[in-house]
């Protein structure tokens, strides 16, 4: 069975107990509990300790997952470059395969030039054609590049 880096199996994380072969299962009946003379308080305490242990293990794995996510995000964000465009600059717009302007794999991938009319928050820009007609929708700055005339 697969194990994580700290030794727990996926079955333990989901079900709260380790998977065991049926021959190893020791099911306590009410008669055996009575013979062992466990009172209700001791039995409840033992069950509570088992649940606390399961919750503790789950929390450890949640924390590991969050730390892993933070490390991956930090590594990705190191390589990200901010793309800043200024109003009035000329740009080319990328043609994606799902767009109507797409003419096949041997056609150009960029269309334009266009002029940046507005720079919005979050990296979006509003473009205008060279004749001054503005696009109705903003475009993500990842889909444009600077045009050098």
Protein backbone atom coordinates (compact mmCIF):
# COMPACT_ATOMS: atom_id res chain seq x y z
CA UNK A 1 0.00 0.00 0.00
CA UNK A 2 1.29 3.51 -0.81
CA UNK A 3 2.64 5.60 2.03
CA UNK A 4 3.26 9.32 2.36
CA UNK A 5 6.56 10.81 3.45
CA UNK A 6 5.56 10.63 7.11
CA UNK A 7 4.43 7.02 6.86
CA UNK A 8 0.64 7.21 6.78
CA UNK A 9 -1.40 5.44 4.14
CA UNK A 10 -4.18 7.14 2.18
CA UNK A 11 -6.60 4.72 3.85
CA UNK A 12 -5.57 6.06 7.27
CA UNK A 13 -6.14 9.65 6.18
CA UNK A 14 -9.60 8.94 4.77
CA UNK A 15 -10.98 6.35 7.17
CA UNK A 16 -9.01 7.19 10.28
CA UNK A 17 -7.62 3.68 10.85
CA UNK A 18 -5.01 1.52 9.19
CA UNK A 19 -6.16 -1.22 6.85
CA UNK A 20 -5.50 -4.67 8.30
CA UNK A 21 -5.86 -8.21 7.08
CA UNK A 22 -9.12 -9.75 8.38
CA UNK A 23 -7.16 -12.41 10.30
CA UNK A 24 -5.64 -9.65 12.44
CA UNK A 25 -8.94 -7.98 13.28
CA UNK A 26 -9.78 -8.33 16.94
CA UNK A 27 -13.37 -7.23 17.39
CA UNK A 28 -14.27 -6.70 20.99
CA UNK A 29 -17.73 -7.85 21.88
CA UNK A 30 -19.77 -6.51 24.73
CA UNK A 31 -19.06 -9.73 26.69
CA UNK A 32 -15.26 -9.28 26.30
CA UNK A 33 -15.47 -5.64 27.34
CA UNK A 34 -17.45 -6.66 30.43
CA UNK A 35 -14.95 -9.40 31.27
CA UNK A 36 -12.08 -6.93 30.99
CA UNK A 37 -14.03 -4.82 33.45
CA UNK A 38 -13.72 -1.61 31.45
CA UNK A 39 -16.17 0.94 32.64
CA UNK A 40 -17.84 3.44 30.33
CA UNK A 41 -15.54 6.28 31.30
CA UNK A 42 -12.39 4.33 30.40
CA UNK A 43 -13.89 3.17 27.10
CA UNK A 44 -14.97 6.72 26.20
CA UNK A 45 -11.52 8.04 27.13
CA UNK A 46 -9.81 5.43 24.91
CA UNK A 47 -12.10 6.28 21.99
CA UNK A 48 -11.49 10.00 22.50
CA UNK A 49 -7.71 9.47 22.46
CA UNK A 50 -8.00 7.52 19.20
CA UNK A 51 -10.02 10.32 17.60
CA UNK A 52 -7.55 12.94 18.83
CA UNK A 53 -4.68 10.96 17.31
CA UNK A 54 -6.49 10.73 13.96
CA UNK A 55 -7.24 14.46 13.95
CA UNK A 56 -3.63 15.23 14.82
CA UNK A 57 -2.36 13.12 11.90
CA UNK A 58 -4.80 14.79 9.53
CA UNK A 59 -3.70 18.23 10.67
CA UNK A 60 -0.05 17.30 10.07
CA UNK A 61 -0.89 16.35 6.49
CA UNK A 62 -2.95 19.50 5.93
CA UNK A 63 0.00 21.60 7.13
CA UNK A 64 2.40 19.69 4.87
CA UNK A 65 0.07 20.28 1.93
CA UNK A 66 -0.14 24.00 2.64
CA UNK A 67 3.63 24.32 2.98
CA UNK A 68 4.12 22.43 -0.29
CA UNK A 69 1.63 24.73 -2.03
CA UNK A 70 3.42 27.82 -0.70
CA UNK A 71 6.82 26.52 -1.86
CA UNK A 72 5.47 25.80 -5.35
CA UNK A 73 3.81 29.23 -5.58
CA UNK A 74 7.02 30.94 -4.42
CA UNK A 75 9.09 29.05 -7.00
CA UNK A 76 6.62 29.94 -9.77
CA UNK A 77 6.38 33.60 -8.79
CA UNK A 78 10.18 33.98 -8.93
CA UNK A 79 10.04 33.49 -12.69
CA UNK A 80 7.04 35.73 -13.38
CA UNK A 81 7.85 39.04 -14.99
CA UNK A 82 5.47 41.97 -14.72
CA UNK A 83 4.25 43.12 -18.13
CA UNK A 84 3.53 46.82 -18.00
CA UNK A 85 2.06 48.65 -20.98
CA UNK A 86 1.65 52.38 -21.35
CA UNK A 87 -1.22 54.24 -22.98
CA UNK A 88 -0.44 55.09 -26.60
CA UNK A 89 2.09 52.29 -27.14
CA UNK A 90 1.66 49.95 -30.10
CA UNK A 91 1.13 46.23 -29.48
CA UNK A 92 0.34 42.99 -31.31
CA UNK A 93 -2.53 40.74 -30.21
CA UNK A 94 -2.08 36.96 -30.07
CA UNK A 95 -4.44 34.82 -32.18
CA UNK A 96 -5.44 31.71 -30.21
CA UNK A 97 -6.61 28.51 -31.95
CA UNK A 98 -10.13 28.77 -30.48
CA UNK A 99 -10.73 32.24 -31.95
CA UNK A 100 -12.53 33.00 -35.21
CA UNK A 101 -9.46 34.82 -36.58
CA UNK A 102 -7.42 31.59 -36.45
CA UNK A 103 -6.59 30.42 -40.00
CA UNK A 104 -4.51 27.30 -39.34
CA UNK A 105 -1.10 26.38 -38.07
CA UNK A 106 0.77 28.01 -40.97
CA UNK A 107 -0.96 31.38 -40.58
CA UNK A 108 0.48 34.20 -38.44
CA UNK A 109 0.03 33.93 -34.67
CA UNK A 110 -0.12 37.69 -34.05
CA UNK A 111 -2.49 40.34 -35.36
CA UNK A 112 -2.15 44.07 -35.34
CA UNK A 113 -0.70 46.58 -34.63
CA UNK A 114 -3.11 48.05 -32.08
CA UNK A 115 -2.81 51.00 -29.72
CA UNK A 116 -3.22 50.70 -25.95
CA UNK A 117 -6.14 52.96 -24.90
CA UNK A 118 -6.55 52.05 -21.22
CA UNK A 119 -4.54 50.07 -18.69
CA UNK A 120 -6.80 48.32 -16.17
CA UNK A 121 -5.98 46.70 -12.86
CA UNK A 122 -5.00 43.04 -12.82
CA UNK A 123 -2.98 43.21 -16.03
CA UNK A 124 -5.80 43.88 -18.51
CA UNK A 125 -5.68 46.48 -21.27
CA UNK A 126 -8.20 47.98 -23.67
CA UNK A 127 -6.96 48.16 -27.25
CA UNK A 128 -7.95 50.29 -30.20
CA UNK A 129 -7.36 49.79 -33.91
CA UNK A 130 -5.09 52.21 -35.70
CA UNK A 131 -8.14 54.13 -36.98
CA UNK A 132 -9.19 54.82 -33.36
CA UNK A 133 -12.04 52.32 -33.00
CA UNK A 134 -11.88 50.81 -29.49
CA UNK A 135 -12.37 47.10 -28.71
CA UNK A 136 -15.39 46.39 -26.56
CA UNK A 137 -13.64 43.90 -24.26
CA UNK A 138 -10.41 44.25 -22.30
CA UNK A 139 -7.59 41.83 -23.15
CA UNK A 140 -5.21 40.13 -20.76
CA UNK A 141 -1.69 41.49 -21.00
CA UNK A 142 -0.39 37.92 -21.45
CA UNK A 143 -2.06 37.86 -24.88
CA UNK A 144 -0.27 40.93 -26.24
CA UNK A 145 3.30 41.92 -26.92
CA UNK A 146 5.04 45.16 -27.70
CA UNK A 147 5.21 46.16 -31.39
CA UNK A 148 8.43 47.77 -32.57
CA UNK A 149 7.98 49.80 -35.74
